[in-house]
Every structure is written in C-alpha cells, then in structure tokens.
C-alpha cells in the first residue's frame, strides 16, 4: 500500500506498521469488504480470575442474541509462576463455552500485557468483521432478554 503524502499521517502509519497494528486507512478499506452479520462479534479479554470470567460468560450467554453472536476470547499468559494456577483455571473454564454461534479461544503462552492483548485482539476482529464489542472479564452485561 503506498504511503500517504502527509508526513504526520505517514509517521503514524509507519508506527502502526512496526507494531503490527492496522492503520486507519487499512481498517476503513477492510470494513468495506469485511464479513458482516446482524450481530457484532464480542471480544472477551480474560486473565486469571475464573470466577469473574464465569460471571461475565453467564451474563453474555443470557443475552437474547448470544446464539447469533461470534465470541472471541483472548487469554494472556501468566506474568509470573504465581499467576499460572489462576490462568490455568480460566483456560479450563474456556474449554466448555457454549451458547454462542461460534467460540474462538486465543490462549497466549506468554504474557504480553492487557494493553497489547486488547490492541492486537481488537485489531484482528475489526479487520475480519469491521466492528467489535469489547468486554473484560470483570464486566457483567445485561442486554435484551
């Protein structure tokens, strides 16, 4: 893709390219051709709190359109050995998710941190679907029933 003439925009796109993040121009082009459905996909970001993840999943599953929704779950790797048991408990929980049109779990072996996990996950889904609903594991949603 050719670089824009505007130097500020060119620098921003160069930074995005180095970090592996889609640029605004690429996103808008992808949105024009992205697969769309009636429901926006949901990106759920989890870490090491199985009880929070379970409550969030239960609330999402209780929404009227859950069975028509694609769910993407991003599970970051443990920061320390002390975090490993919590991360493993969450990942065990993720193995049995039902009630959505599709479930995709992205379990990272290493820890990249919340910010990078969200940036990468949101970028991936927006490139594919053109939109996304972002939820963290400590948010409980209530929607149309």
C-alpha atoms as a PDB file:
ATOM      1  CA  UNK A   1       0.000   0.000   0.000  1.00  0.00           C
ATOM      2  CA  UNK A   2       1.544   3.403  -0.970  1.00  0.00           C
ATOM      3  CA  UNK A   3       2.487   5.766   1.859  1.00  0.00           C
ATOM      4  CA  UNK A   4       0.422   8.955   2.272  1.00  0.00           C
ATOM      5  CA  UNK A   5       1.977  12.296   1.334  1.00  0.00           C
ATOM      6  CA  UNK A   6       1.072  13.908   4.683  1.00  0.00           C
ATOM      7  CA  UNK A   7       4.158  13.477   6.913  1.00  0.00           C
ATOM      8  CA  UNK A   8       2.188  13.196  10.181  1.00  0.00           C
ATOM      9  CA  UNK A   9      -0.064  10.527   8.716  1.00  0.00           C
ATOM     10  CA  UNK A  10       2.946   8.763   7.201  1.00  0.00           C
ATOM     11  CA  UNK A  11       4.685   8.657  10.611  1.00  0.00           C
ATOM     12  CA  UNK A  12       1.554   7.327  12.303  1.00  0.00           C
ATOM     13  CA  UNK A  13       1.167   4.600   9.665  1.00  0.00           C
ATOM     14  CA  UNK A  14       4.859   3.716   9.966  1.00  0.00           C
ATOM     15  CA  UNK A  15       4.458   3.340  13.745  1.00  0.00           C
ATOM     16  CA  UNK A  16       1.388   1.143  13.226  1.00  0.00           C
ATOM     17  CA  UNK A  17       3.259  -0.984  10.711  1.00  0.00           C
ATOM     18  CA  UNK A  18       6.198  -1.504  13.116  1.00  0.00           C
ATOM     19  CA  UNK A  19       3.835  -2.572  15.903  1.00  0.00           C
ATOM     20  CA  UNK A  20       1.766  -4.830  13.665  1.00  0.00           C
ATOM     21  CA  UNK A  21      -1.351  -2.710  14.120  1.00  0.00           C
ATOM     22  CA  UNK A  22      -3.694  -1.975  11.228  1.00  0.00           C
ATOM     23  CA  UNK A  23      -3.722   1.637  10.079  1.00  0.00           C
ATOM     24  CA  UNK A  24      -6.883   3.722   9.892  1.00  0.00           C
ATOM     25  CA  UNK A  25      -6.774   3.538   6.094  1.00  0.00           C
ATOM     26  CA  UNK A  26      -6.418  -0.249   6.121  1.00  0.00           C
ATOM     27  CA  UNK A  27      -9.258  -0.596   8.610  1.00  0.00           C
ATOM     28  CA  UNK A  28     -11.600   1.559   6.554  1.00  0.00           C
ATOM     29  CA  UNK A  29     -10.716  -0.427   3.416  1.00  0.00           C
ATOM     30  CA  UNK A  30     -11.266  -3.710   5.261  1.00  0.00           C
ATOM     31  CA  UNK A  31     -14.586  -2.535   6.650  1.00  0.00           C
ATOM     32  CA  UNK A  32     -15.855  -2.039   3.125  1.00  0.00           C
ATOM     33  CA  UNK A  33     -15.182  -5.713   2.344  1.00  0.00           C
ATOM     34  CA  UNK A  34     -15.449  -7.243   5.831  1.00  0.00           C
ATOM     35  CA  UNK A  35     -17.835 -10.062   6.581  1.00  0.00           C
ATOM     36  CA  UNK A  36     -20.773  -8.585   8.407  1.00  0.00           C
ATOM     37  CA  UNK A  37     -23.631 -10.225  10.186  1.00  0.00           C
ATOM     38  CA  UNK A  38     -26.590  -8.884  12.106  1.00  0.00           C
ATOM     39  CA  UNK A  39     -24.671  -9.058  15.363  1.00  0.00           C
ATOM     40  CA  UNK A  40     -21.269  -7.603  16.150  1.00  0.00           C
ATOM     41  CA  UNK A  41     -18.706 -10.122  17.394  1.00  0.00           C
ATOM     42  CA  UNK A  42     -17.719  -9.951  21.055  1.00  0.00           C
ATOM     43  CA  UNK A  43     -14.090  -9.888  22.204  1.00  0.00           C
ATOM     44  CA  UNK A  44     -13.682 -11.040  25.796  1.00  0.00           C
ATOM     45  CA  UNK A  45     -10.311 -10.447  27.465  1.00  0.00           C
ATOM     46  CA  UNK A  46      -9.533 -12.690  30.443  1.00  0.00           C
ATOM     47  CA  UNK A  47      -6.560 -13.311  32.690  1.00  0.00           C
ATOM     48  CA  UNK A  48      -6.520 -15.196  35.991  1.00  0.00           C
ATOM     49  CA  UNK A  49      -9.923 -14.709  37.646  1.00  0.00           C
ATOM     50  CA  UNK A  50     -12.083 -17.717  36.821  1.00  0.00           C
ATOM     51  CA  UNK A  51     -14.986 -16.516  38.977  1.00  0.00           C
ATOM     52  CA  UNK A  52     -15.096 -13.181  37.146  1.00  0.00           C
ATOM     53  CA  UNK A  53     -14.769 -14.855  33.749  1.00  0.00           C
ATOM     54  CA  UNK A  54     -17.603 -17.267  34.613  1.00  0.00           C
ATOM     55  CA  UNK A  55     -19.922 -14.436  35.715  1.00  0.00           C
ATOM     56  CA  UNK A  56     -19.157 -12.467  32.555  1.00  0.00           C
ATOM     57  CA  UNK A  57     -19.749 -15.504  30.316  1.00  0.00           C
ATOM     58  CA  UNK A  58     -23.029 -16.277  32.097  1.00  0.00           C
ATOM     59  CA  UNK A  59     -24.216 -12.708  31.565  1.00  0.00           C
ATOM     60  CA  UNK A  60     -23.191 -12.717  27.890  1.00  0.00           C
ATOM     61  CA  UNK A  61     -24.878 -16.090  27.353  1.00  0.00           C
ATOM     62  CA  UNK A  62     -28.067 -14.673  28.880  1.00  0.00           C
ATOM     63  CA  UNK A  63     -28.410 -12.062  26.154  1.00  0.00           C
ATOM     64  CA  UNK A  64     -31.150 -12.768  23.607  1.00  0.00           C
ATOM     65  CA  UNK A  65     -28.744 -12.650  20.647  1.00  0.00           C
ATOM     66  CA  UNK A  66     -25.978 -14.777  22.184  1.00  0.00           C
ATOM     67  CA  UNK A  67     -26.755 -17.738  19.911  1.00  0.00           C
ATOM     68  CA  UNK A  68     -26.267 -15.448  16.894  1.00  0.00           C
ATOM     69  CA  UNK A  69     -23.005 -13.959  18.174  1.00  0.00           C
ATOM     70  CA  UNK A  70     -19.394 -14.916  17.439  1.00  0.00           C
ATOM     71  CA  UNK A  71     -17.374 -14.876  20.679  1.00  0.00           C
ATOM     72  CA  UNK A  72     -13.602 -14.409  20.665  1.00  0.00           C
ATOM     73  CA  UNK A  73     -11.823 -14.956  23.978  1.00  0.00           C
ATOM     74  CA  UNK A  74      -8.270 -13.690  24.457  1.00  0.00           C
ATOM     75  CA  UNK A  75      -6.388 -15.266  27.361  1.00  0.00           C
ATOM     76  CA  UNK A  76      -2.999 -13.727  28.142  1.00  0.00           C
ATOM     77  CA  UNK A  77      -0.222 -15.928  29.502  1.00  0.00           C
ATOM     78  CA  UNK A  78       0.839 -15.748  33.155  1.00  0.00           C
ATOM     79  CA  UNK A  79       3.162 -12.904  34.222  1.00  0.00           C
ATOM     80  CA  UNK A  80       4.695 -14.989  36.999  1.00  0.00           C
ATOM     81  CA  UNK A  81       4.610 -18.559  38.250  1.00  0.00           C
ATOM     82  CA  UNK A  82       2.230 -17.356  40.979  1.00  0.00           C
ATOM     83  CA  UNK A  83      -0.294 -16.377  38.264  1.00  0.00           C
ATOM     84  CA  UNK A  84      -0.143 -19.736  36.481  1.00  0.00           C
ATOM     85  CA  UNK A  85      -2.803 -21.519  38.586  1.00  0.00           C
ATOM     86  CA  UNK A  86      -5.337 -18.728  38.006  1.00  0.00           C
ATOM     87  CA  UNK A  87      -4.618 -18.602  34.272  1.00  0.00           C
ATOM     88  CA  UNK A  88      -4.941 -22.403  34.064  1.00  0.00           C
ATOM     89  CA  UNK A  89      -8.288 -22.299  35.917  1.00  0.00           C
ATOM     90  CA  UNK A  90      -9.619 -19.701  33.470  1.00  0.00           C
ATOM     91  CA  UNK A  91      -8.440 -21.748  30.493  1.00  0.00           C
ATOM     92  CA  UNK A  92     -10.161 -24.860  31.836  1.00  0.00           C
ATOM     93  CA  UNK A  93     -13.366 -22.835  32.030  1.00  0.00           C
ATOM     94  CA  UNK A  94     -12.884 -21.615  28.450  1.00  0.00           C
ATOM     95  CA  UNK A  95     -12.836 -25.173  27.142  1.00  0.00           C
ATOM     96  CA  UNK A  96     -16.550 -25.618  27.785  1.00  0.00           C
ATOM     97  CA  UNK A  97     -18.128 -22.415  26.492  1.00  0.00           C
ATOM     98  CA  UNK A  98     -21.499 -22.946  24.807  1.00  0.00           C
ATOM     99  CA  UNK A  99     -24.437 -20.785  23.801  1.00  0.00           C
ATOM    100  CA  UNK A 100     -22.829 -18.688  21.051  1.00  0.00           C
ATOM    101  CA  UNK A 101     -22.813 -19.077  17.268  1.00  0.00           C
ATOM    102  CA  UNK A 102     -19.074 -19.692  17.448  1.00  0.00           C
ATOM    103  CA  UNK A 103     -16.365 -19.549  20.098  1.00  0.00           C
ATOM    104  CA  UNK A 104     -12.708 -18.884  19.314  1.00  0.00           C
ATOM    105  CA  UNK A 105     -10.201 -19.000  22.171  1.00  0.00           C
ATOM    106  CA  UNK A 106      -6.786 -17.406  21.681  1.00  0.00           C
ATOM    107  CA  UNK A 107      -4.597 -18.569  24.574  1.00  0.00           C
ATOM    108  CA  UNK A 108      -1.166 -16.964  24.570  1.00  0.00           C
ATOM    109  CA  UNK A 109       1.688 -18.979  26.073  1.00  0.00           C
ATOM    110  CA  UNK A 110       3.479 -15.809  27.221  1.00  0.00           C
ATOM    111  CA  UNK A 111       2.246 -12.623  28.867  1.00  0.00           C
ATOM    112  CA  UNK A 112       2.028  -9.609  26.563  1.00  0.00           C
ATOM    113  CA  UNK A 113       0.059  -7.394  28.939  1.00  0.00           C
ATOM    114  CA  UNK A 114      -3.503  -6.144  28.834  1.00  0.00           C
ATOM    115  CA  UNK A 115      -2.869  -3.180  26.528  1.00  0.00           C
ATOM    116  CA  UNK A 116      -1.136  -5.209  23.816  1.00  0.00           C
ATOM    117  CA  UNK A 117      -3.649  -8.027  24.160  1.00  0.00           C
ATOM    118  CA  UNK A 118      -6.559  -5.639  23.640  1.00  0.00           C
ATOM    119  CA  UNK A 119      -4.890  -3.736  20.789  1.00  0.00           C
ATOM    120  CA  UNK A 120      -3.998  -6.943  18.955  1.00  0.00           C
ATOM    121  CA  UNK A 121      -7.333  -8.657  19.589  1.00  0.00           C
ATOM    122  CA  UNK A 122      -9.481  -5.686  18.638  1.00  0.00           C
ATOM    123  CA  UNK A 123      -7.417  -5.056  15.506  1.00  0.00           C
ATOM    124  CA  UNK A 124      -7.738  -8.703  14.434  1.00  0.00           C
ATOM    125  CA  UNK A 125     -11.511  -8.780  14.867  1.00  0.00           C
ATOM    126  CA  UNK A 126     -12.160  -5.380  13.295  1.00  0.00           C
ATOM    127  CA  UNK A 127     -10.078  -6.399  10.283  1.00  0.00           C
ATOM    128  CA  UNK A 128     -12.224  -9.524   9.916  1.00  0.00           C
ATOM    129  CA  UNK A 129     -15.694  -8.217  10.853  1.00  0.00           C
ATOM    130  CA  UNK A 130     -15.498  -4.421  10.642  1.00  0.00           C
ATOM    131  CA  UNK A 131     -16.725  -3.990  14.222  1.00  0.00           C
ATOM    132  CA  UNK A 132     -16.435  -5.473  17.704  1.00  0.00           C
ATOM    133  CA  UNK A 133     -17.884  -5.261  21.200  1.00  0.00           C
ATOM    134  CA  UNK A 134     -15.058  -5.304  23.762  1.00  0.00           C
ATOM    135  CA  UNK A 135     -15.596  -6.849  27.206  1.00  0.00           C
ATOM    136  CA  UNK A 136     -13.131  -7.529  30.023  1.00  0.00           C
ATOM    137  CA  UNK A 137     -13.539 -10.363  32.496  1.00  0.00           C
ATOM    138  CA  UNK A 138     -14.798  -8.119  35.270  1.00  0.00           C
ATOM    139  CA  UNK A 139     -17.734  -6.661  33.330  1.00  0.00           C
ATOM    140  CA  UNK A 140     -21.169  -8.193  33.627  1.00  0.00           C
ATOM    141  CA  UNK A 141     -23.542  -7.268  30.813  1.00  0.00           C
ATOM    142  CA  UNK A 142     -27.307  -7.072  30.771  1.00  0.00           C
ATOM    143  CA  UNK A 143     -28.952  -6.821  27.389  1.00  0.00           C
ATOM    144  CA  UNK A 144     -32.187  -7.594  25.604  1.00  0.00           C
ATOM    145  CA  UNK A 145     -33.754 -10.730  27.018  1.00  0.00           C
END
